[in-house]
Amino acid sequence: MKRTHKEVKHSILKVLSDSKDHAYGDIELKANTNWQTVRDHCEDLELVNAVTITNDRIKITKYGLELLKKLGK
């Protein structure tokens, strides 16, 4: 069964919650989803300032950590 957008974004934010820079491939393995899906969701999260993307490296922001707590499970 496919995961919802909310579940995918939650798993991406969970991977990024260690506050380190991550590459798309790293997130792909840890979140168990396709790199293109990771890229698309990270771009969406960047629009709401939950993550920053520089040179194909993704890092969570303070707002992203707050969002992760709100999404919580």
C-alpha atoms as a PDB file:
ATOM      1  CA  MET A   1       0.000   0.000   0.000  1.00  0.00           C
ATOM      2  CA  LYS A   2       1.280   3.457  -0.903  1.00  0.00           C
ATOM      3  CA  ARG A   3       2.141   5.924   1.829  1.00  0.00           C
ATOM      4  CA  THR A   4       0.420   9.281   1.978  1.00  0.00           C
ATOM      5  CA  HIS A   5       2.251  12.552   1.326  1.00  0.00           C
ATOM      6  CA  LYS A   6       2.091  13.312   5.045  1.00  0.00           C
ATOM      7  CA  GLU A   7       3.734   9.976   5.917  1.00  0.00           C
ATOM      8  CA  VAL A   8       6.524  10.475   3.360  1.00  0.00           C
ATOM      9  CA  LYS A   9       7.237  14.031   4.545  1.00  0.00           C
ATOM     10  CA  HIS A  10       7.211  12.827   8.143  1.00  0.00           C
ATOM     11  CA  SER A  11       9.761  10.107   7.374  1.00  0.00           C
ATOM     12  CA  ILE A  12      11.992  12.609   5.519  1.00  0.00           C
ATOM     13  CA  LEU A  13      11.855  15.078   8.415  1.00  0.00           C
ATOM     14  CA  LYS A  14      12.573  12.229  10.835  1.00  0.00           C
ATOM     15  CA  VAL A  15      15.746  11.358   8.885  1.00  0.00           C
ATOM     16  CA  LEU A  16      16.794  15.019   8.887  1.00  0.00           C
ATOM     17  CA  SER A  17      16.021  15.501  12.598  1.00  0.00           C
ATOM     18  CA  ASP A  18      19.671  14.856  13.567  1.00  0.00           C
ATOM     19  CA  SER A  19      20.399  18.385  12.192  1.00  0.00           C
ATOM     20  CA  LYS A  20      23.178  17.159   9.890  1.00  0.00           C
ATOM     21  CA  ASP A  21      23.450  17.737   6.139  1.00  0.00           C
ATOM     22  CA  HIS A  22      22.134  14.809   4.103  1.00  0.00           C
ATOM     23  CA  ALA A  23      22.312  13.928   0.411  1.00  0.00           C
ATOM     24  CA  TYR A  24      19.229  12.762  -1.492  1.00  0.00           C
ATOM     25  CA  GLY A  25      20.631   9.221  -1.662  1.00  0.00           C
ATOM     26  CA  ASP A  26      21.105   9.066   2.085  1.00  0.00           C
ATOM     27  CA  ILE A  27      17.540  10.197   2.715  1.00  0.00           C
ATOM     28  CA  GLU A  28      16.301   7.772   0.052  1.00  0.00           C
ATOM     29  CA  LEU A  29      17.782   4.797   1.904  1.00  0.00           C
ATOM     30  CA  LYS A  30      16.713   5.862   5.377  1.00  0.00           C
ATOM     31  CA  ALA A  31      13.190   6.971   4.417  1.00  0.00           C
ATOM     32  CA  ASN A  32      12.736   3.958   2.115  1.00  0.00           C
ATOM     33  CA  THR A  33      11.476   5.894  -0.895  1.00  0.00           C
ATOM     34  CA  ASN A  34      12.592   6.859  -4.403  1.00  0.00           C
ATOM     35  CA  TRP A  35      15.153   9.706  -4.718  1.00  0.00           C
ATOM     36  CA  GLN A  36      12.843  11.625  -7.084  1.00  0.00           C
ATOM     37  CA  THR A  37      10.091  11.486  -4.477  1.00  0.00           C
ATOM     38  CA  VAL A  38      12.576  12.659  -1.852  1.00  0.00           C
ATOM     39  CA  ARG A  39      13.649  15.537  -4.105  1.00  0.00           C
ATOM     40  CA  ASP A  40      10.067  16.617  -4.805  1.00  0.00           C
ATOM     41  CA  HIS A  41       9.056  16.506  -1.144  1.00  0.00           C
ATOM     42  CA  CYS A  42      12.223  18.328  -0.059  1.00  0.00           C
ATOM     43  CA  GLU A  43      11.456  21.087  -2.581  1.00  0.00           C
ATOM     44  CA  ASP A  44       7.945  21.359  -1.106  1.00  0.00           C
ATOM     45  CA  LEU A  45       9.371  21.477   2.413  1.00  0.00           C
ATOM     46  CA  GLU A  46      11.832  24.176   1.323  1.00  0.00           C
ATOM     47  CA  LEU A  47       8.922  26.360   0.178  1.00  0.00           C
ATOM     48  CA  VAL A  48       7.586  26.429   3.752  1.00  0.00           C
ATOM     49  CA  ASN A  49      11.103  26.902   5.208  1.00  0.00           C
ATOM     50  CA  ALA A  50      11.156  23.479   6.884  1.00  0.00           C
ATOM     51  CA  VAL A  51      14.445  22.534   5.157  1.00  0.00           C
ATOM     52  CA  THR A  52      17.273  24.253   3.313  1.00  0.00           C
ATOM     53  CA  ILE A  53      18.812  22.846   0.138  1.00  0.00           C
ATOM     54  CA  THR A  54      22.333  23.901  -0.858  1.00  0.00           C
ATOM     55  CA  ASN A  55      24.439  22.054  -3.418  1.00  0.00           C
ATOM     56  CA  ASP A  56      22.136  19.005  -3.245  1.00  0.00           C
ATOM     57  CA  ARG A  57      22.585  18.789   0.523  1.00  0.00           C
ATOM     58  CA  ILE A  58      19.469  19.027   2.675  1.00  0.00           C
ATOM     59  CA  LYS A  59      19.339  20.297   6.246  1.00  0.00           C
ATOM     60  CA  ILE A  60      16.360  20.746   8.557  1.00  0.00           C
ATOM     61  CA  THR A  61      15.539  24.171  10.024  1.00  0.00           C
ATOM     62  CA  LYS A  62      14.143  25.061  13.455  1.00  0.00           C
ATOM     63  CA  TYR A  63      10.710  25.385  11.873  1.00  0.00           C
ATOM     64  CA  GLY A  64      11.169  21.914  10.348  1.00  0.00           C
ATOM     65  CA  LEU A  65      11.827  20.456  13.796  1.00  0.00           C
ATOM     66  CA  GLU A  66       8.670  22.144  15.106  1.00  0.00           C
ATOM     67  CA  LEU A  67       6.719  20.790  12.137  1.00  0.00           C
ATOM     68  CA  LEU A  68       8.029  17.280  12.868  1.00  0.00           C
ATOM     69  CA  LYS A  69       6.719  17.537  16.433  1.00  0.00           C
ATOM     70  CA  LYS A  70       3.308  18.654  15.120  1.00  0.00           C
ATOM     71  CA  LEU A  71       3.172  15.785  12.626  1.00  0.00           C
ATOM     72  CA  GLY A  72       4.402  13.384  15.337  1.00  0.00           C
ATOM     73  CA  LYS A  73       3.445   9.751  15.666  1.00  0.00           C
END
